[in-house]
Amino acid sequence: MRTLRRPNGDGGPLFAVTRPGDGGTDAYVVDGEGRLYLSLSGYRTVEMPGGLAADLVAPLRAAMEARP
């Protein structure tokens, strides 16, 4: 992960952009002008030992389904 700049506080939105990379996923955080703030390369996930327990999934599901 590389941090390239900090948001200047003008309140403009930032966007996450992802794409498949070599052996993982590459992700970038950019603003509406296309300026790069953060880059992450080769991100991968692993299966949790014993599978996903319902009590671990519930908070994640609630966060993903929350409406602003």
PDB file of N, CA and C in Angstrom:
ATOM      1  N   MET A   1       0.843  -1.153   0.000  1.00  0.00           N
ATOM      2  CA  MET A   1       0.000   0.000   0.000  1.00  0.00           C
ATOM      3  C   MET A   1       0.899   1.229   0.000  1.00  0.00           C
ATOM      4  N   ARG A   2       0.525   2.194  -0.836  1.00  0.00           N
ATOM      5  CA  ARG A   2       1.246   3.469  -0.895  1.00  0.00           C
ATOM      6  C   ARG A   2       0.242   4.604  -0.743  1.00  0.00           C
ATOM      7  N   THR A   3       0.552   5.520   0.143  1.00  0.00           N
ATOM      8  CA  THR A   3      -0.239   6.732   0.275  1.00  0.00           C
ATOM      9  C   THR A   3       0.486   7.814  -0.505  1.00  0.00           C
ATOM     10  N   LEU A   4      -0.205   8.458  -1.436  1.00  0.00           N
ATOM     11  CA  LEU A   4       0.439   9.433  -2.300  1.00  0.00           C
ATOM     12  C   LEU A   4       0.114  10.873  -1.942  1.00  0.00           C
ATOM     13  N   ARG A   5      -1.045  11.111  -1.385  1.00  0.00           N
ATOM     14  CA  ARG A   5      -1.431  12.461  -0.965  1.00  0.00           C
ATOM     15  C   ARG A   5      -2.581  12.357   0.018  1.00  0.00           C
ATOM     16  N   ARG A   6      -2.830  13.447   0.719  1.00  0.00           N
ATOM     17  CA  ARG A   6      -3.947  13.512   1.656  1.00  0.00           C
ATOM     18  C   ARG A   6      -5.040  14.378   1.043  1.00  0.00           C
ATOM     19  N   PRO A   7      -6.292  14.046   1.341  1.00  0.00           N
ATOM     20  CA  PRO A   7      -7.378  14.922   0.871  1.00  0.00           C
ATOM     21  C   PRO A   7      -7.169  16.327   1.442  1.00  0.00           C
ATOM     22  N   ASN A   8      -7.487  17.334   0.657  1.00  0.00           N
ATOM     23  CA  ASN A   8      -7.234  18.711   1.092  1.00  0.00           C
ATOM     24  C   ASN A   8      -8.360  19.293   1.934  1.00  0.00           C
ATOM     25  N   GLY A   9      -9.392  18.515   2.215  1.00  0.00           N
ATOM     26  CA  GLY A   9     -10.452  18.979   3.089  1.00  0.00           C
ATOM     27  C   GLY A   9     -11.547  19.774   2.405  1.00  0.00           C
ATOM     28  N   ASP A  10     -11.549  19.811   1.075  1.00  0.00           N
ATOM     29  CA  ASP A  10     -12.595  20.569   0.376  1.00  0.00           C
ATOM     30  C   ASP A  10     -13.926  19.831   0.353  1.00  0.00           C
ATOM     31  N   GLY A  11     -13.946  18.617   0.876  1.00  0.00           N
ATOM     32  CA  GLY A  11     -15.190  17.866   0.953  1.00  0.00           C
ATOM     33  C   GLY A  11     -15.583  17.152  -0.322  1.00  0.00           C
ATOM     34  N   GLY A  12     -14.725  17.194  -1.343  1.00  0.00           N
ATOM     35  CA  GLY A  12     -15.036  16.489  -2.579  1.00  0.00           C
ATOM     36  C   GLY A  12     -15.010  14.988  -2.364  1.00  0.00           C
ATOM     37  N   PRO A  13     -15.807  14.252  -3.119  1.00  0.00           N
ATOM     38  CA  PRO A  13     -15.859  12.801  -2.926  1.00  0.00           C
ATOM     39  C   PRO A  13     -14.593  12.105  -3.408  1.00  0.00           C
ATOM     40  N   LEU A  14     -14.304  10.990  -2.774  1.00  0.00           N
ATOM     41  CA  LEU A  14     -13.230  10.102  -3.190  1.00  0.00           C
ATOM     42  C   LEU A  14     -13.876   8.804  -3.655  1.00  0.00           C
ATOM     43  N   PHE A  15     -13.213   8.126  -4.586  1.00  0.00           N
ATOM     44  CA  PHE A  15     -13.760   6.915  -5.176  1.00  0.00           C
ATOM     45  C   PHE A  15     -12.738   5.794  -5.102  1.00  0.00           C
ATOM     46  N   ALA A  16     -13.215   4.582  -4.850  1.00  0.00           N
ATOM     47  CA  ALA A  16     -12.369   3.397  -4.887  1.00  0.00           C
ATOM     48  C   ALA A  16     -12.539   2.744  -6.253  1.00  0.00           C
ATOM     49  N   VAL A  17     -11.434   2.434  -6.873  1.00  0.00           N
ATOM     50  CA  VAL A  17     -11.423   1.765  -8.174  1.00  0.00           C
ATOM     51  C   VAL A  17     -10.612   0.488  -8.011  1.00  0.00           C
ATOM     52  N   THR A  18     -11.163  -0.633  -8.444  1.00  0.00           N
ATOM     53  CA  THR A  18     -10.448  -1.904  -8.328  1.00  0.00           C
ATOM     54  C   THR A  18     -10.338  -2.571  -9.680  1.00  0.00           C
ATOM     55  N   ARG A  19      -9.343  -3.428  -9.801  1.00  0.00           N
ATOM     56  CA  ARG A  19      -9.186  -4.222 -11.016  1.00  0.00           C
ATOM     57  C   ARG A  19      -8.363  -5.460 -10.676  1.00  0.00           C
ATOM     58  N   PRO A  20      -8.562  -6.541 -11.427  1.00  0.00           N
ATOM     59  CA  PRO A  20      -7.759  -7.736 -11.185  1.00  0.00           C
ATOM     60  C   PRO A  20      -6.289  -7.422 -11.444  1.00  0.00           C
ATOM     61  N   GLY A  21      -5.447  -7.958 -10.588  1.00  0.00           N
ATOM     62  CA  GLY A  21      -4.009  -7.787 -10.766  1.00  0.00           C
ATOM     63  C   GLY A  21      -3.332  -9.146 -10.794  1.00  0.00           C
ATOM     64  N   ASP A  22      -2.030  -9.145 -10.821  1.00  0.00           N
ATOM     65  CA  ASP A  22      -1.266 -10.393 -10.802  1.00  0.00           C
ATOM     66  C   ASP A  22      -1.341 -11.018  -9.420  1.00  0.00           C
ATOM     67  N   GLY A  23      -2.096 -12.096  -9.297  1.00  0.00           N
ATOM     68  CA  GLY A  23      -2.191 -12.803  -8.038  1.00  0.00           C
ATOM     69  C   GLY A  23      -3.054 -12.135  -6.995  1.00  0.00           C
ATOM     70  N   GLY A  24      -3.860 -11.178  -7.364  1.00  0.00           N
ATOM     71  CA  GLY A  24      -4.721 -10.506  -6.397  1.00  0.00           C
ATOM     72  C   GLY A  24      -5.491  -9.384  -7.058  1.00  0.00           C
ATOM     73  N   THR A  25      -5.914  -8.446  -6.242  1.00  0.00           N
ATOM     74  CA  THR A  25      -6.667  -7.300  -6.735  1.00  0.00           C
ATOM     75  C   THR A  25      -5.866  -6.032  -6.484  1.00  0.00           C
ATOM     76  N   ASP A  26      -5.854  -5.137  -7.451  1.00  0.00           N
ATOM     77  CA  ASP A  26      -5.246  -3.825  -7.280  1.00  0.00           C
ATOM     78  C   ASP A  26      -6.374  -2.834  -7.017  1.00  0.00           C
ATOM     79  N   ALA A  27      -6.155  -1.915  -6.093  1.00  0.00           N
ATOM     80  CA  ALA A  27      -7.178  -0.935  -5.745  1.00  0.00           C
ATOM     81  C   ALA A  27      -6.547   0.448  -5.662  1.00  0.00           C
ATOM     82  N   TYR A  28      -7.340   1.446  -5.996  1.00  0.00           N
ATOM     83  CA  TYR A  28      -6.871   2.834  -5.995  1.00  0.00           C
ATOM     84  C   TYR A  28      -7.961   3.710  -5.404  1.00  0.00           C
ATOM     85  N   VAL A  29      -7.557   4.773  -4.727  1.00  0.00           N
ATOM     86  CA  VAL A  29      -8.490   5.794  -4.262  1.00  0.00           C
ATOM     87  C   VAL A  29      -8.158   7.060  -5.037  1.00  0.00           C
ATOM     88  N   VAL A  30      -9.160   7.590  -5.736  1.00  0.00           N
ATOM     89  CA  VAL A  30      -8.980   8.772  -6.580  1.00  0.00           C
ATOM     90  C   VAL A  30     -10.086   9.774  -6.290  1.00  0.00           C
ATOM     91  N   ASP A  31      -9.856  11.028  -6.693  1.00  0.00           N
ATOM     92  CA  ASP A  31     -10.916  12.028  -6.585  1.00  0.00           C
ATOM     93  C   ASP A  31     -11.568  12.211  -7.946  1.00  0.00           C
ATOM     94  N   GLY A  32     -12.511  13.120  -8.039  1.00  0.00           N
ATOM     95  CA  GLY A  32     -13.250  13.359  -9.277  1.00  0.00           C
ATOM     96  C   GLY A  32     -12.393  13.849 -10.423  1.00  0.00           C
ATOM     97  N   GLU A  33     -11.208  14.372 -10.117  1.00  0.00           N
ATOM     98  CA  GLU A  33     -10.282  14.848 -11.154  1.00  0.00           C
ATOM     99  C   GLU A  33      -9.317  13.745 -11.585  1.00  0.00           C
ATOM    100  N   GLY A  34      -9.400  12.583 -10.930  1.00  0.00           N
ATOM    101  CA  GLY A  34      -8.513  11.479 -11.256  1.00  0.00           C
ATOM    102  C   GLY A  34      -7.197  11.488 -10.494  1.00  0.00           C
ATOM    103  N   ARG A  35      -7.043  12.397  -9.512  1.00  0.00           N
ATOM    104  CA  ARG A  35      -5.806  12.436  -8.718  1.00  0.00           C
ATOM    105  C   ARG A  35      -5.764  11.229  -7.794  1.00  0.00           C
ATOM    106  N   LEU A  36      -4.630  10.574  -7.755  1.00  0.00           N
ATOM    107  CA  LEU A  36      -4.443   9.346  -6.987  1.00  0.00           C
ATOM    108  C   LEU A  36      -4.051   9.672  -5.548  1.00  0.00           C
ATOM    109  N   TYR A  37      -4.773   9.087  -4.594  1.00  0.00           N
ATOM    110  CA  TYR A  37      -4.500   9.301  -3.173  1.00  0.00           C
ATOM    111  C   TYR A  37      -3.862   8.087  -2.526  1.00  0.00           C
ATOM    112  N   LEU A  38      -4.267   6.905  -2.948  1.00  0.00           N
ATOM    113  CA  LEU A  38      -3.773   5.688  -2.342  1.00  0.00           C
ATOM    114  C   LEU A  38      -3.786   4.579  -3.381  1.00  0.00           C
ATOM    115  N   SER A  39      -2.782   3.723  -3.348  1.00  0.00           N
ATOM    116  CA  SER A  39      -2.787   2.550  -4.221  1.00  0.00           C
ATOM    117  C   SER A  39      -2.441   1.318  -3.399  1.00  0.00           C
ATOM    118  N   LEU A  40      -3.065   0.227  -3.757  1.00  0.00           N
ATOM    119  CA  LEU A  40      -2.874  -1.048  -3.080  1.00  0.00           C
ATOM    120  C   LEU A  40      -2.766  -2.098  -4.171  1.00  0.00           C
ATOM    121  N   SER A  41      -1.714  -2.893  -4.136  1.00  0.00           N
ATOM    122  CA  SER A  41      -1.570  -3.901  -5.187  1.00  0.00           C
ATOM    123  C   SER A  41      -1.455  -5.293  -4.580  1.00  0.00           C
ATOM    124  N   GLY A  42      -2.052  -6.248  -5.283  1.00  0.00           N
ATOM    125  CA  GLY A  42      -1.960  -7.644  -4.890  1.00  0.00           C
ATOM    126  C   GLY A  42      -2.784  -8.040  -3.677  1.00  0.00           C
ATOM    127  N   TYR A  43      -3.872  -7.299  -3.389  1.00  0.00           N
ATOM    128  CA  TYR A  43      -4.710  -7.644  -2.243  1.00  0.00           C
ATOM    129  C   TYR A  43      -5.400  -8.978  -2.495  1.00  0.00           C
ATOM    130  N   ARG A  44      -5.368  -9.845  -1.490  1.00  0.00           N
ATOM    131  CA  ARG A  44      -6.037 -11.141  -1.579  1.00  0.00           C
ATOM    132  C   ARG A  44      -6.744 -11.442  -0.270  1.00  0.00           C
ATOM    133  N   THR A  45      -7.758 -12.252  -0.352  1.00  0.00           N
ATOM    134  CA  THR A  45      -8.451 -12.711   0.843  1.00  0.00           C
ATOM    135  C   THR A  45      -8.135 -14.177   1.060  1.00  0.00           C
ATOM    136  N   VAL A  46      -8.383 -14.641   2.263  1.00  0.00           N
ATOM    137  CA  VAL A  46      -8.207 -16.056   2.580  1.00  0.00           C
ATOM    138  C   VAL A  46      -9.461 -16.543   3.286  1.00  0.00           C
ATOM    139  N   GLU A  47      -9.721 -17.801   3.155  1.00  0.00           N
ATOM    140  CA  GLU A  47     -10.875 -18.391   3.821  1.00  0.00           C
ATOM    141  C   GLU A  47     -10.618 -18.453   5.320  1.00  0.00           C
ATOM    142  N   MET A  48     -11.649 -18.120   6.098  1.00  0.00           N
ATOM    143  CA  MET A  48     -11.519 -18.188   7.547  1.00  0.00           C
ATOM    144  C   MET A  48     -11.520 -19.642   7.990  1.00  0.00           C
ATOM    145  N   PRO A  49     -10.686 -19.987   8.962  1.00  0.00           N
ATOM    146  CA  PRO A  49     -10.696 -21.357   9.476  1.00  0.00           C
ATOM    147  C   PRO A  49     -12.092 -21.706  10.009  1.00  0.00           C
ATOM    148  N   GLY A  50     -12.597 -22.837   9.603  1.00  0.00           N
ATOM    149  CA  GLY A  50     -13.908 -23.265  10.066  1.00  0.00           C
ATOM    150  C   GLY A  50     -15.063 -22.607   9.330  1.00  0.00           C
ATOM    151  N   GLY A  51     -14.778 -21.860   8.279  1.00  0.00           N
ATOM    152  CA  GLY A  51     -15.845 -21.192   7.536  1.00  0.00           C
ATOM    153  C   GLY A  51     -16.267 -19.902   8.217  1.00  0.00           C
ATOM    154  N   LEU A  52     -17.288 -19.269   7.679  1.00  0.00           N
ATOM    155  CA  LEU A  52     -17.783 -18.007   8.226  1.00  0.00           C
ATOM    156  C   LEU A  52     -18.877 -18.280   9.251  1.00  0.00           C
ATOM    157  N   ALA A  53     -18.600 -17.967  10.483  1.00  0.00           N
ATOM    158  CA  ALA A  53     -19.605 -18.128  11.530  1.00  0.00           C
ATOM    159  C   ALA A  53     -20.622 -16.996  11.407  1.00  0.00           C
ATOM    160  N   ALA A  54     -21.881 -17.301  11.642  1.00  0.00           N
ATOM    161  CA  ALA A  54     -22.968 -16.324  11.502  1.00  0.00           C
ATOM    162  C   ALA A  54     -22.729 -15.086  12.361  1.00  0.00           C
ATOM    163  N   ASP A  55     -22.169 -15.253  13.566  1.00  0.00           N
ATOM    164  CA  ASP A  55     -21.958 -14.101  14.450  1.00  0.00           C
ATOM    165  C   ASP A  55     -20.861 -13.176  13.924  1.00  0.00           C
ATOM    166  N   LEU A  56     -19.974 -13.665  13.074  1.00  0.00           N
ATOM    167  CA  LEU A  56     -18.952 -12.810  12.466  1.00  0.00           C
ATOM    168  C   LEU A  56     -19.473 -12.111  11.223  1.00  0.00           C
ATOM    169  N   VAL A  57     -20.391 -12.756  10.524  1.00  0.00           N
ATOM    170  CA  VAL A  57     -20.915 -12.215   9.275  1.00  0.00           C
ATOM    171  C   VAL A  57     -21.968 -11.142   9.522  1.00  0.00           C
ATOM    172  N   ALA A  58     -22.742 -11.262  10.581  1.00  0.00           N
ATOM    173  CA  ALA A  58     -23.860 -10.345  10.834  1.00  0.00           C
ATOM    174  C   ALA A  58     -23.444  -8.871  10.852  1.00  0.00           C
ATOM    175  N   PRO A  59     -22.390  -8.459  11.572  1.00  0.00           N
ATOM    176  CA  PRO A  59     -22.018  -7.039  11.560  1.00  0.00           C
ATOM    177  C   PRO A  59     -21.582  -6.554  10.178  1.00  0.00           C
ATOM    178  N   LEU A  60     -20.885  -7.402   9.434  1.00  0.00           N
ATOM    179  CA  LEU A  60     -20.469  -7.026   8.081  1.00  0.00           C
ATOM    180  C   LEU A  60     -21.683  -6.862   7.172  1.00  0.00           C
ATOM    181  N   ARG A  61     -22.621  -7.792   7.261  1.00  0.00           N
ATOM    182  CA  ARG A  61     -23.827  -7.716   6.442  1.00  0.00           C
ATOM    183  C   ARG A  61     -24.622  -6.443   6.777  1.00  0.00           C
ATOM    184  N   ALA A  62     -24.747  -6.133   8.059  1.00  0.00           N
ATOM    185  CA  ALA A  62     -25.480  -4.937   8.486  1.00  0.00           C
ATOM    186  C   ALA A  62     -24.814  -3.673   7.950  1.00  0.00           C
ATOM    187  N   ALA A  63     -23.496  -3.623   7.981  1.00  0.00           N
ATOM    188  CA  ALA A  63     -22.778  -2.440   7.464  1.00  0.00           C
ATOM    189  C   ALA A  63     -22.958  -2.291   5.965  1.00  0.00           C
ATOM    190  N   MET A  64     -22.932  -3.403   5.242  1.00  0.00           N
ATOM    191  CA  MET A  64     -23.057  -3.362   3.790  1.00  0.00           C
ATOM    192  C   MET A  64     -24.484  -3.011   3.359  1.00  0.00           C
ATOM    193  N   GLU A  65     -25.466  -3.357   4.187  1.00  0.00           N
ATOM    194  CA  GLU A  65     -26.855  -3.097   3.833  1.00  0.00           C
ATOM    195  C   GLU A  65     -27.364  -1.757   4.368  1.00  0.00           C
ATOM    196  N   ALA A  66     -26.571  -1.093   5.206  1.00  0.00           N
ATOM    197  CA  ALA A  66     -26.987   0.194   5.799  1.00  0.00           C
ATOM    198  C   ALA A  66     -27.160   1.237   4.703  1.00  0.00           C
ATOM    199  N   ARG A  67     -28.168   2.031   4.870  1.00  0.00           N
ATOM    200  CA  ARG A  67     -28.423   3.114   3.907  1.00  0.00           C
ATOM    201  C   ARG A  67     -28.047   4.434   4.564  1.00  0.00           C
ATOM    202  N   PRO A  68     -27.363   5.297   3.802  1.00  0.00           N
ATOM    203  CA  PRO A  68     -26.941   6.584   4.388  1.00  0.00           C
ATOM    204  C   PRO A  68     -28.114   7.494   4.699  1.00  0.00           C
TER     205      PRO A  68
END
